[in-house]
Every structure is written in structure tokens, then in C-alpha cells.
Amino acid sequence: VTGANKGVGFFIASQLASSGLFSNVILGCRDATRGKSAVEEINKKLISSSPTLSSFASVSFLPLDLSEPSSHSTFKHLIEENFGGRIDVLVNNGALAFKGSDPTPFMEQTKPTLDVNFRRTLEFTEILLPMMRKHGNDARIVNVASMAGRLKQIRSQELQAQFRDANLSLTKLRRLVDQFESDVQNGVHSQKGWGSSNYGMSKLSLIAATKVLAREENAYGIKVNCCCPGYCDTDMTSHRGTRSPEDGAKNAVLLATMENCPTGEFVENLKVSSW
């Protein structure tokens, strides 16, 4: 689980650890101190809920900076070295969001937001895919997206159609995202029919990538879905959210653990929703 030291990611990791379905749950976090603290807190919760840990996962922390490709390679190496090089479930929860009060100009927020929430998240997924294909026929990828990633934010019907294209490739998707960034830098994104939210576009692109990966990885039995945890009371929302992160985490946990899991879907409020 990426970005698992706090907020929704913390509760996703905690709920997966207590599900009885996994032998190991790994928290990927930038900050080692916070990562280790989160592991300790989860273990305390597990112990307090039952005196025996036989049905719980072993919880551990590994350093991961999504923004740094070299960190992806290190993470992969550590999984191979310490966990047999096999991943059953990957939850891409880590993300970046500028606060509304942040004085950074819109165009300067575009690249870092797209880089972390879409480009680096996709690259991280791709580097781990070989270890997921070893699982057999029920590995899962869960991308934590957002209601902010709705397709309707794009005003151009032509652009919407390109994102909806049933034959969309990751190469073409990356080009579309690059075009949005370029149009923002040139000050023409609005007149070309793009949306006006960097965060929204990053999550829209992640949802589109989910659908492409679901199609491409179907031959390996990997189920790829995304979800919206809702407007949660976390640091990312400056604690204005009305839903607890513990409740919001259930959407990702459902997709990671349910029987007869679908693929290529967007889930919110514990049910399949429209994009």
C-alpha cells in the first residue's frame, strides 16, 4: 500500500492486515520515521483486537518515494529479496494535492501533480507487474482515484472520446496527458476544452490507465480497478472531509479482497459507479 503512513492509506493497510487473507502487508512511505510509527500503531491495533496474531498479516515498512524512479527500483529489489518476489495485491494510494490556499501558480502545479499521481504511479505499477503475474489468476491492482477524476470535467467531446476509446493504449494516454500539460503551459488549455483542475486531470488519467491495464492484464488474470474513498477527514482535505478515512478505506479494501472481483471498474460508496 503506497502512501500508507497516514490517512486513507493507513486504514487500507490496517484493514488488509486484519482481513486474515494475507501473510504480509507492506507500507510504502517516503518518511521512514512515520512509516515505522504506522507499523507500530497497526500492530498495536491488531494485538488489542485479539491476543493471538495467527490470523493477522505481518506488517512492515519499506521506503518508497513515488516521485523518484530510482526508489521504485529499490522497492522492487527489496520485495524480491525479502518477500520472494511475489505481490498479490498492489494498492496505489500515494498522491499529491496542492492546497487551495497554495500560492504556487496553476501552471507550476501541473507537472508535479501529473508526475506523482499519474506518471510515476503508472511507472511504479509497471515495474511491479512481473511480480504480480506470478500470482496465477487473482492478483489485484487497486488505484485510489477520486470523484474529482470524472470524465465530464473535460468540456471537449472529442477529448472525452479519446479517453473513453475502448482501444486506448498507455502510449496514447501518456500523449494525451502530455498534451494537457503543454496546453496549460501555453495558456490554451481552457479554449481547447480541457478541465481546470490539475488534480482532477491526474485522477481522470489514473482512471483511464486503470481501464487500459484491466484490458491488457486480463490474460494474466490480474484484476485492475479504481475507487473513490469519498471526501475524507484527512490532511489532504485539511480535515474538512465529512467521511472518516477508516470508512473511506473500505472501498479499496473491498476491491482487494472480494470474491468474484470485477475488472476495469470505478467504485465509490462500495458499489460500481459511472466514470
C-alpha atoms as a PDB file:
ATOM      1  CA  VAL A   1       0.000   0.000   0.000  1.00  0.00           C
ATOM      2  CA  THR A   2       1.632   3.251  -1.090  1.00  0.00           C
ATOM      3  CA  GLY A   3       1.260   6.412   0.985  1.00  0.00           C
ATOM      4  CA  ALA A   4       0.240   4.241   3.919  1.00  0.00           C
ATOM      5  CA  ASN A   5       1.663   6.088   6.902  1.00  0.00           C
ATOM      6  CA  LYS A   6      -1.488   8.181   7.462  1.00  0.00           C
ATOM      7  CA  GLY A   7      -4.998   8.934   6.285  1.00  0.00           C
ATOM      8  CA  VAL A   8      -6.864   6.579   3.972  1.00  0.00           C
ATOM      9  CA  GLY A   9      -3.698   4.607   3.143  1.00  0.00           C
ATOM     10  CA  PHE A  10      -3.083   3.811   6.806  1.00  0.00           C
ATOM     11  CA  PHE A  11      -6.561   2.370   7.216  1.00  0.00           C
ATOM     12  CA  ILE A  12      -6.329   0.406   3.956  1.00  0.00           C
ATOM     13  CA  ALA A  13      -3.157  -1.248   5.257  1.00  0.00           C
ATOM     14  CA  SER A  14      -4.682  -1.831   8.693  1.00  0.00           C
ATOM     15  CA  GLN A  15      -7.843  -3.408   7.295  1.00  0.00           C
ATOM     16  CA  LEU A  16      -5.912  -5.625   4.889  1.00  0.00           C
ATOM     17  CA  ALA A  17      -3.682  -6.772   7.753  1.00  0.00           C
ATOM     18  CA  SER A  18      -6.679  -7.781   9.856  1.00  0.00           C
ATOM     19  CA  SER A  19      -8.564  -9.458   6.997  1.00  0.00           C
ATOM     20  CA  GLY A  20      -6.926 -12.838   7.514  1.00  0.00           C
ATOM     21  CA  LEU A  21      -6.230 -13.098   3.774  1.00  0.00           C
ATOM     22  CA  PHE A  22      -2.592 -12.009   3.654  1.00  0.00           C
ATOM     23  CA  SER A  23       0.661 -13.214   5.167  1.00  0.00           C
ATOM     24  CA  ASN A  24       2.388  -9.843   4.711  1.00  0.00           C
ATOM     25  CA  VAL A  25       1.204  -6.249   4.345  1.00  0.00           C
ATOM     26  CA  ILE A  26       3.850  -3.733   3.312  1.00  0.00           C
ATOM     27  CA  LEU A  27       3.562   0.011   3.847  1.00  0.00           C
ATOM     28  CA  GLY A  28       5.400   2.045   1.233  1.00  0.00           C
ATOM     29  CA  CYS A  29       6.204   5.516   2.603  1.00  0.00           C
ATOM     30  CA  ARG A  30       8.661   8.358   1.968  1.00  0.00           C
ATOM     31  CA  ASP A  31       9.285   9.127   5.634  1.00  0.00           C
ATOM     32  CA  ALA A  32      10.916   6.210   7.461  1.00  0.00           C
ATOM     33  CA  THR A  33      10.019   7.536  10.916  1.00  0.00           C
ATOM     34  CA  ARG A  34       6.349   7.898  10.021  1.00  0.00           C
ATOM     35  CA  GLY A  35       6.353   4.552   8.222  1.00  0.00           C
ATOM     36  CA  LYS A  36       7.751   2.688  11.195  1.00  0.00           C
ATOM     37  CA  SER A  37       5.390   4.517  13.541  1.00  0.00           C
ATOM     38  CA  ALA A  38       2.424   3.484  11.385  1.00  0.00           C
ATOM     39  CA  VAL A  39       3.560  -0.154  11.521  1.00  0.00           C
ATOM     40  CA  GLU A  40       3.754   0.017  15.313  1.00  0.00           C
ATOM     41  CA  GLU A  41       0.291   1.558  15.526  1.00  0.00           C
ATOM     42  CA  ILE A  42      -1.245  -1.066  13.248  1.00  0.00           C
ATOM     43  CA  ASN A  43       0.373  -3.870  15.207  1.00  0.00           C
ATOM     44  CA  LYS A  44      -0.986  -2.427  18.464  1.00  0.00           C
ATOM     45  CA  LYS A  45      -4.475  -2.383  16.956  1.00  0.00           C
ATOM     46  CA  LEU A  46      -4.119  -5.984  15.825  1.00  0.00           C
ATOM     47  CA  ILE A  47      -2.923  -7.134  19.238  1.00  0.00           C
ATOM     48  CA  SER A  48      -5.690  -5.278  21.074  1.00  0.00           C
ATOM     49  CA  SER A  49      -8.343  -6.846  18.873  1.00  0.00           C
ATOM     50  CA  SER A  50      -7.089 -10.380  19.538  1.00  0.00           C
ATOM     51  CA  PRO A  51      -4.447 -11.878  21.820  1.00  0.00           C
ATOM     52  CA  THR A  52      -3.290 -14.229  19.060  1.00  0.00           C
ATOM     53  CA  LEU A  53      -1.799 -12.925  15.844  1.00  0.00           C
ATOM     54  CA  SER A  54      -2.126 -16.164  13.899  1.00  0.00           C
ATOM     55  CA  SER A  55      -4.873 -14.791  11.648  1.00  0.00           C
ATOM     56  CA  PHE A  56      -3.190 -11.444  11.016  1.00  0.00           C
ATOM     57  CA  ALA A  57      -0.597 -10.390   8.492  1.00  0.00           C
ATOM     58  CA  SER A  58       2.957  -9.488   9.346  1.00  0.00           C
ATOM     59  CA  VAL A  59       3.086  -5.711   8.841  1.00  0.00           C
ATOM     60  CA  SER A  60       6.265  -3.989   7.683  1.00  0.00           C
ATOM     61  CA  PHE A  61       7.556  -0.765   6.165  1.00  0.00           C
ATOM     62  CA  LEU A  62       9.687  -0.204   3.063  1.00  0.00           C
ATOM     63  CA  PRO A  63      10.947   3.203   1.890  1.00  0.00           C
ATOM     64  CA  LEU A  64       9.224   4.488  -1.231  1.00  0.00           C
ATOM     65  CA  ASP A  65       9.285   7.918  -2.844  1.00  0.00           C
ATOM     66  CA  LEU A  66       6.832   7.775  -5.731  1.00  0.00           C
ATOM     67  CA  SER A  67       8.376  10.844  -7.324  1.00  0.00           C
ATOM     68  CA  GLU A  68      11.773   9.129  -7.700  1.00  0.00           C
ATOM     69  CA  PRO A  69      12.067   6.275 -10.262  1.00  0.00           C
ATOM     70  CA  SER A  70      15.240   5.064  -8.526  1.00  0.00           C
ATOM     71  CA  SER A  71      13.146   4.497  -5.406  1.00  0.00           C
ATOM     72  CA  HIS A  72      10.814   2.262  -7.450  1.00  0.00           C
ATOM     73  CA  SER A  73      13.739   0.034  -8.414  1.00  0.00           C
ATOM     74  CA  THR A  74      14.983  -0.138  -4.831  1.00  0.00           C
ATOM     75  CA  PHE A  75      11.497  -1.066  -3.622  1.00  0.00           C
ATOM     76  CA  LYS A  76      11.258  -3.833  -6.214  1.00  0.00           C
ATOM     77  CA  HIS A  77      14.655  -5.192  -5.180  1.00  0.00           C
ATOM     78  CA  LEU A  78      13.620  -5.256  -1.517  1.00  0.00           C
ATOM     79  CA  ILE A  79      10.417  -7.136  -2.382  1.00  0.00           C
ATOM     80  CA  GLU A  80      12.450  -9.693  -4.319  1.00  0.00           C
ATOM     81  CA  GLU A  81      14.996 -10.000  -1.531  1.00  0.00           C
ATOM     82  CA  ASN A  82      12.637 -10.143   1.454  1.00  0.00           C
ATOM     83  CA  PHE A  83       9.294 -11.400   0.162  1.00  0.00           C
ATOM     84  CA  GLY A  84      10.105 -13.896  -2.568  1.00  0.00           C
ATOM     85  CA  GLY A  85       9.445 -11.504  -5.435  1.00  0.00           C
ATOM     86  CA  ARG A  86       5.667 -12.024  -5.426  1.00  0.00           C
ATOM     87  CA  ILE A  87       2.928  -9.447  -4.992  1.00  0.00           C
ATOM     88  CA  ASP A  88      -0.722 -10.445  -4.729  1.00  0.00           C
ATOM     89  CA  VAL A  89      -2.285  -7.020  -4.277  1.00  0.00           C
ATOM     90  CA  LEU A  90      -0.955  -3.547  -5.078  1.00  0.00           C
ATOM     91  CA  VAL A  91      -2.872  -0.556  -3.723  1.00  0.00           C
ATOM     92  CA  ASN A  92      -1.736   2.694  -5.329  1.00  0.00           C
ATOM     93  CA  ASN A  93      -2.863   5.182  -2.715  1.00  0.00           C
ATOM     94  CA  GLY A  94       0.014   7.670  -2.589  1.00  0.00           C
ATOM     95  CA  ALA A  95      -0.799  11.025  -4.206  1.00  0.00           C
ATOM     96  CA  LEU A  96      -0.028  14.736  -4.300  1.00  0.00           C
ATOM     97  CA  ALA A  97      -2.553  17.565  -3.997  1.00  0.00           C
ATOM     98  CA  PHE A  98      -1.810  21.272  -3.724  1.00  0.00           C
ATOM     99  CA  LYS A  99      -3.980  23.073  -1.176  1.00  0.00           C
ATOM    100  CA  GLY A 100      -6.432  25.643  -2.461  1.00  0.00           C
ATOM    101  CA  SER A 101      -4.556  28.287  -0.480  1.00  0.00           C
ATOM    102  CA  ASP A 102      -1.190  27.361  -2.024  1.00  0.00           C
ATOM    103  CA  PRO A 103       0.247  30.413  -3.838  1.00  0.00           C
ATOM    104  CA  THR A 104       2.028  28.280  -6.465  1.00  0.00           C
ATOM    105  CA  PRO A 105       0.670  29.324  -9.892  1.00  0.00           C
ATOM    106  CA  PHE A 106      -1.666  26.819 -11.593  1.00  0.00           C
ATOM    107  CA  MET A 107       0.778  26.086 -14.416  1.00  0.00           C
ATOM    108  CA  GLU A 108       3.559  25.341 -11.945  1.00  0.00           C
ATOM    109  CA  GLN A 109       1.333  22.855 -10.124  1.00  0.00           C
ATOM    110  CA  THR A 110       0.549  20.918 -13.298  1.00  0.00           C
ATOM    111  CA  LYS A 111       3.716  18.893 -13.843  1.00  0.00           C
ATOM    112  CA  PRO A 112       4.351  17.786 -10.224  1.00  0.00           C
ATOM    113  CA  THR A 113       0.701  16.767  -9.824  1.00  0.00           C
ATOM    114  CA  LEU A 114       0.640  14.761 -13.066  1.00  0.00           C
ATOM    115  CA  ASP A 115       4.069  13.312 -12.352  1.00  0.00           C
ATOM    116  CA  VAL A 116       3.197  11.796  -8.976  1.00  0.00           C
ATOM    117  CA  ASN A 117      -0.476  10.950  -9.400  1.00  0.00           C
ATOM    118  CA  PHE A 118      -0.263   9.578 -12.926  1.00  0.00           C
ATOM    119  CA  ARG A 119       3.181   9.173 -14.495  1.00  0.00           C
ATOM    120  CA  ARG A 120       5.178   7.862 -11.527  1.00  0.00           C
ATOM    121  CA  THR A 121       2.230   5.819 -10.201  1.00  0.00           C
ATOM    122  CA  LEU A 122       1.904   4.122 -13.589  1.00  0.00           C
ATOM    123  CA  GLU A 123       5.654   3.543 -13.851  1.00  0.00           C
ATOM    124  CA  PHE A 124       5.709   2.065 -10.344  1.00  0.00           C
ATOM    125  CA  THR A 125       2.876  -0.276 -11.294  1.00  0.00           C
ATOM    126  CA  GLU A 126       4.616  -1.358 -14.482  1.00  0.00           C
ATOM    127  CA  ILE A 127       7.866  -2.193 -12.687  1.00  0.00           C
ATOM    128  CA  LEU A 128       5.971  -4.434 -10.235  1.00  0.00           C
ATOM    129  CA  LEU A 129       3.715  -6.138 -12.793  1.00  0.00           C
ATOM    130  CA  PRO A 130       6.111  -9.056 -13.487  1.00  0.00           C
ATOM    131  CA  MET A 131       5.890  -9.989  -9.800  1.00  0.00           C
ATOM    132  CA  MET A 132       2.100  -9.845  -9.911  1.00  0.00           C
ATOM    133  CA  ARG A 133       1.842 -12.052 -12.973  1.00  0.00           C
ATOM    134  CA  LYS A 134       3.395 -14.841 -10.920  1.00  0.00           C
ATOM    135  CA  HIS A 135       0.293 -14.975  -8.727  1.00  0.00           C
ATOM    136  CA  GLY A 136      -1.757 -17.101 -11.097  1.00  0.00           C
ATOM    137  CA  ASN A 137      -5.250 -15.825 -11.728  1.00  0.00           C
ATOM    138  CA  ASP A 138      -6.331 -13.489  -8.962  1.00  0.00           C
ATOM    139  CA  ALA A 139      -3.777 -10.748  -8.362  1.00  0.00           C
ATOM    140  CA  ARG A 140      -5.298  -7.310  -7.837  1.00  0.00           C
ATOM    141  CA  ILE A 141      -4.343  -3.711  -8.551  1.00  0.00           C
ATOM    142  CA  VAL A 142      -6.410  -1.063  -6.789  1.00  0.00           C
ATOM    143  CA  ASN A 143      -5.853   2.548  -7.803  1.00  0.00           C
ATOM    144  CA  VAL A 144      -7.196   5.068  -5.314  1.00  0.00           C
ATOM    145  CA  ALA A 145      -8.655   7.732  -7.573  1.00  0.00           C
ATOM    146  CA  SER A 146     -11.280  10.367  -6.807  1.00  0.00           C
ATOM    147  CA  MET A 147     -14.683  11.695  -7.771  1.00  0.00           C
ATOM    148  CA  ALA A 148     -12.620  14.669  -8.962  1.00  0.00           C
ATOM    149  CA  GLY A 149     -11.481  12.457 -11.842  1.00  0.00           C
ATOM    150  CA  ARG A 150     -14.874  12.385 -13.560  1.00  0.00           C
ATOM    151  CA  LEU A 151     -14.708  12.485 -17.356  1.00  0.00           C
ATOM    152  CA  LYS A 152     -17.247  15.331 -17.567  1.00  0.00           C
ATOM    153  CA  GLN A 153     -14.630  17.813 -16.324  1.00  0.00           C
ATOM    154  CA  ILE A 154     -13.283  17.773 -19.890  1.00  0.00           C
ATOM    155  CA  ARG A 155     -15.563  20.066 -21.900  1.00  0.00           C
ATOM    156  CA  SER A 156     -14.347  18.891 -25.313  1.00  0.00           C
ATOM    157  CA  GLN A 157     -16.406  15.932 -26.517  1.00  0.00           C
ATOM    158  CA  GLU A 158     -13.576  14.978 -28.874  1.00  0.00           C
ATOM    159  CA  LEU A 159     -11.087  14.775 -25.999  1.00  0.00           C
ATOM    160  CA  GLN A 160     -13.578  12.853 -23.880  1.00  0.00           C
ATOM    161  CA  ALA A 161     -13.968  10.336 -26.683  1.00  0.00           C
ATOM    162  CA  GLN A 162     -10.206   9.780 -26.824  1.00  0.00           C
ATOM    163  CA  PHE A 163     -10.075   8.955 -23.110  1.00  0.00           C
ATOM    164  CA  ARG A 164     -13.124   6.669 -23.455  1.00  0.00           C
ATOM    165  CA  ASP A 165     -11.759   4.857 -26.520  1.00  0.00           C
ATOM    166  CA  ALA A 166     -12.001   1.107 -25.931  1.00  0.00           C
ATOM    167  CA  ASN A 167      -8.704   0.689 -27.788  1.00  0.00           C
ATOM    168  CA  LEU A 168      -6.831   3.387 -25.873  1.00  0.00           C
ATOM    169  CA  SER A 169      -3.212   2.402 -25.199  1.00  0.00           C
ATOM    170  CA  LEU A 170      -0.940   3.575 -22.404  1.00  0.00           C
ATOM    171  CA  THR A 171       1.249   5.237 -25.032  1.00  0.00           C
ATOM    172  CA  LYS A 172      -1.692   7.225 -26.383  1.00  0.00           C
ATOM    173  CA  LEU A 173      -2.863   8.036 -22.848  1.00  0.00           C
ATOM    174  CA  ARG A 174       0.541   9.391 -21.932  1.00  0.00           C
ATOM    175  CA  ARG A 175       0.454  11.605 -25.039  1.00  0.00           C
ATOM    176  CA  LEU A 176      -2.951  12.981 -24.039  1.00  0.00           C
ATOM    177  CA  VAL A 177      -1.660  13.826 -20.570  1.00  0.00           C
ATOM    178  CA  ASP A 178       1.422  15.450 -22.078  1.00  0.00           C
ATOM    179  CA  GLN A 179      -0.851  17.495 -24.351  1.00  0.00           C
ATOM    180  CA  PHE A 180      -2.849  18.760 -21.378  1.00  0.00           C
ATOM    181  CA  GLU A 181       0.353  19.827 -19.652  1.00  0.00           C
ATOM    182  CA  SER A 182       1.631  21.528 -22.791  1.00  0.00           C
ATOM    183  CA  ASP A 183      -1.657  23.373 -23.317  1.00  0.00           C
ATOM    184  CA  VAL A 184      -1.584  24.566 -19.701  1.00  0.00           C
ATOM    185  CA  GLN A 185       1.951  25.882 -20.130  1.00  0.00           C
ATOM    186  CA  ASN A 186       0.889  27.662 -23.316  1.00  0.00           C
ATOM    187  CA  GLY A 187      -2.184  29.137 -21.641  1.00  0.00           C
ATOM    188  CA  VAL A 188      -4.634  27.498 -24.066  1.00  0.00           C
ATOM    189  CA  HIS A 189      -5.997  24.540 -22.067  1.00  0.00           C
ATOM    190  CA  SER A 190      -9.346  26.204 -21.410  1.00  0.00           C
ATOM    191  CA  GLN A 191     -10.018  27.166 -25.008  1.00  0.00           C
ATOM    192  CA  LYS A 192      -9.084  23.651 -26.130  1.00  0.00           C
ATOM    193  CA  GLY A 193     -11.747  22.169 -23.878  1.00  0.00           C
ATOM    194  CA  TRP A 194      -9.659  20.705 -21.077  1.00  0.00           C
ATOM    195  CA  GLY A 195     -10.714  20.830 -17.439  1.00  0.00           C
ATOM    196  CA  SER A 196      -9.460  23.410 -14.970  1.00  0.00           C
ATOM    197  CA  SER A 197      -8.133  21.101 -12.230  1.00  0.00           C
ATOM    198  CA  ASN A 198      -4.648  19.603 -12.251  1.00  0.00           C
ATOM    199  CA  TYR A 199      -5.619  17.154  -9.518  1.00  0.00           C
ATOM    200  CA  GLY A 200      -8.814  16.253 -11.367  1.00  0.00           C
ATOM    201  CA  MET A 201      -6.918  15.592 -14.598  1.00  0.00           C
ATOM    202  CA  SER A 202      -4.334  13.470 -12.782  1.00  0.00           C
ATOM    203  CA  LYS A 203      -7.062  11.281 -11.299  1.00  0.00           C
ATOM    204  CA  LEU A 204      -9.014  11.155 -14.563  1.00  0.00           C
ATOM    205  CA  SER A 205      -5.840   9.896 -16.237  1.00  0.00           C
ATOM    206  CA  LEU A 206      -5.334   7.307 -13.489  1.00  0.00           C
ATOM    207  CA  ILE A 207      -8.880   6.029 -14.016  1.00  0.00           C
ATOM    208  CA  ALA A 208      -8.234   5.803 -17.772  1.00  0.00           C
ATOM    209  CA  ALA A 209      -4.991   3.905 -17.087  1.00  0.00           C
ATOM    210  CA  THR A 210      -6.932   1.536 -14.836  1.00  0.00           C
ATOM    211  CA  LYS A 211      -9.213   0.605 -17.712  1.00  0.00           C
ATOM    212  CA  VAL A 212      -6.309   0.112 -20.132  1.00  0.00           C
ATOM    213  CA  LEU A 213      -4.388  -2.067 -17.659  1.00  0.00           C
ATOM    214  CA  ALA A 214      -7.522  -4.096 -16.907  1.00  0.00           C
ATOM    215  CA  ARG A 215      -7.752  -4.966 -20.593  1.00  0.00           C
ATOM    216  CA  GLU A 216      -4.030  -5.624 -21.072  1.00  0.00           C
ATOM    217  CA  GLU A 217      -3.510  -7.688 -17.904  1.00  0.00           C
ATOM    218  CA  ASN A 218      -6.672  -9.763 -18.255  1.00  0.00           C
ATOM    219  CA  ALA A 219      -4.669 -12.543 -19.899  1.00  0.00           C
ATOM    220  CA  TYR A 220      -2.676 -12.889 -16.670  1.00  0.00           C
ATOM    221  CA  GLY A 221      -5.793 -12.955 -14.503  1.00  0.00           C
ATOM    222  CA  ILE A 222      -4.915  -9.624 -12.863  1.00  0.00           C
ATOM    223  CA  LYS A 223      -7.971  -7.610 -11.842  1.00  0.00           C
ATOM    224  CA  VAL A 224      -7.375  -3.847 -12.111  1.00  0.00           C
ATOM    225  CA  ASN A 225      -9.884  -1.428 -10.583  1.00  0.00           C
ATOM    226  CA  CYS A 226     -10.022   2.040  -9.087  1.00  0.00           C
ATOM    227  CA  CYS A 227     -12.074   3.673  -6.385  1.00  0.00           C
ATOM    228  CA  CYS A 228     -13.026   6.918  -4.732  1.00  0.00           C
ATOM    229  CA  PRO A 229     -12.752   6.822  -0.937  1.00  0.00           C
ATOM    230  CA  GLY A 230     -15.013   9.863  -0.664  1.00  0.00           C
ATOM    231  CA  TYR A 231     -14.421  13.259   0.892  1.00  0.00           C
ATOM    232  CA  CYS A 232     -12.469  12.078   3.919  1.00  0.00           C
ATOM    233  CA  ASP A 233     -11.249  13.828   7.051  1.00  0.00           C
ATOM    234  CA  THR A 234      -7.519  13.761   6.234  1.00  0.00           C
ATOM    235  CA  ASP A 235      -4.551  16.078   5.862  1.00  0.00           C
ATOM    236  CA  MET A 236      -5.178  16.192   2.100  1.00  0.00           C
ATOM    237  CA  THR A 237      -8.601  17.810   2.650  1.00  0.00           C
ATOM    238  CA  SER A 238      -7.301  19.959   5.529  1.00  0.00           C
ATOM    239  CA  HIS A 239      -9.636  17.835   7.678  1.00  0.00           C
ATOM    240  CA  ARG A 240     -12.726  19.326   6.067  1.00  0.00           C
ATOM    241  CA  GLY A 241     -13.918  15.931   4.838  1.00  0.00           C
ATOM    242  CA  THR A 242     -17.167  14.528   6.198  1.00  0.00           C
ATOM    243  CA  ARG A 243     -16.232  10.846   5.937  1.00  0.00           C
ATOM    244  CA  SER A 244     -13.763   9.125   8.225  1.00  0.00           C
ATOM    245  CA  PRO A 245     -10.651   7.780   6.471  1.00  0.00           C
ATOM    246  CA  GLU A 246     -11.401   4.406   8.079  1.00  0.00           C
ATOM    247  CA  ASP A 247     -14.745   4.300   6.283  1.00  0.00           C
ATOM    248  CA  GLY A 248     -13.319   5.619   3.018  1.00  0.00           C
ATOM    249  CA  ALA A 249     -10.621   2.920   3.042  1.00  0.00           C
ATOM    250  CA  LYS A 250     -13.289   0.216   2.777  1.00  0.00           C
ATOM    251  CA  ASN A 251     -13.733   0.951  -0.940  1.00  0.00           C
ATOM    252  CA  ALA A 252     -10.154  -0.053  -1.735  1.00  0.00           C
ATOM    253  CA  VAL A 253     -10.232  -2.978   0.701  1.00  0.00           C
ATOM    254  CA  LEU A 254     -13.382  -4.309  -0.963  1.00  0.00           C
ATOM    255  CA  LEU A 255     -11.653  -4.432  -4.345  1.00  0.00           C
ATOM    256  CA  ALA A 256      -8.563  -6.036  -2.806  1.00  0.00           C
ATOM    257  CA  THR A 257     -10.437  -8.800  -1.006  1.00  0.00           C
ATOM    258  CA  MET A 258     -13.843  -9.512  -2.570  1.00  0.00           C
ATOM    259  CA  GLU A 259     -14.695 -12.777  -4.291  1.00  0.00           C
ATOM    260  CA  ASN A 260     -15.626 -12.661  -7.979  1.00  0.00           C
ATOM    261  CA  CYS A 261     -13.857  -9.332  -8.362  1.00  0.00           C
ATOM    262  CA  PRO A 262     -14.710  -7.342 -11.496  1.00  0.00           C
ATOM    263  CA  THR A 263     -12.055  -5.595 -13.540  1.00  0.00           C
ATOM    264  CA  GLY A 264     -11.786  -2.176 -15.142  1.00  0.00           C
ATOM    265  CA  GLU A 265     -14.381  -0.634 -12.826  1.00  0.00           C
ATOM    266  CA  PHE A 266     -14.655   2.578 -10.806  1.00  0.00           C
ATOM    267  CA  VAL A 267     -16.101   2.021  -7.328  1.00  0.00           C
ATOM    268  CA  GLU A 268     -17.445   4.525  -4.821  1.00  0.00           C
ATOM    269  CA  ASN A 269     -19.657   4.005  -1.782  1.00  0.00           C
ATOM    270  CA  LEU A 270     -18.868   0.277  -2.039  1.00  0.00           C
ATOM    271  CA  LYS A 271     -20.511  -0.166  -5.444  1.00  0.00           C
ATOM    272  CA  VAL A 272     -19.621   0.189  -9.099  1.00  0.00           C
ATOM    273  CA  SER A 273     -20.166   3.745 -10.290  1.00  0.00           C
ATOM    274  CA  SER A 274     -20.034   5.595 -13.591  1.00  0.00           C
ATOM    275  CA  TRP A 275     -16.903   7.439 -14.676  1.00  0.00           C
END
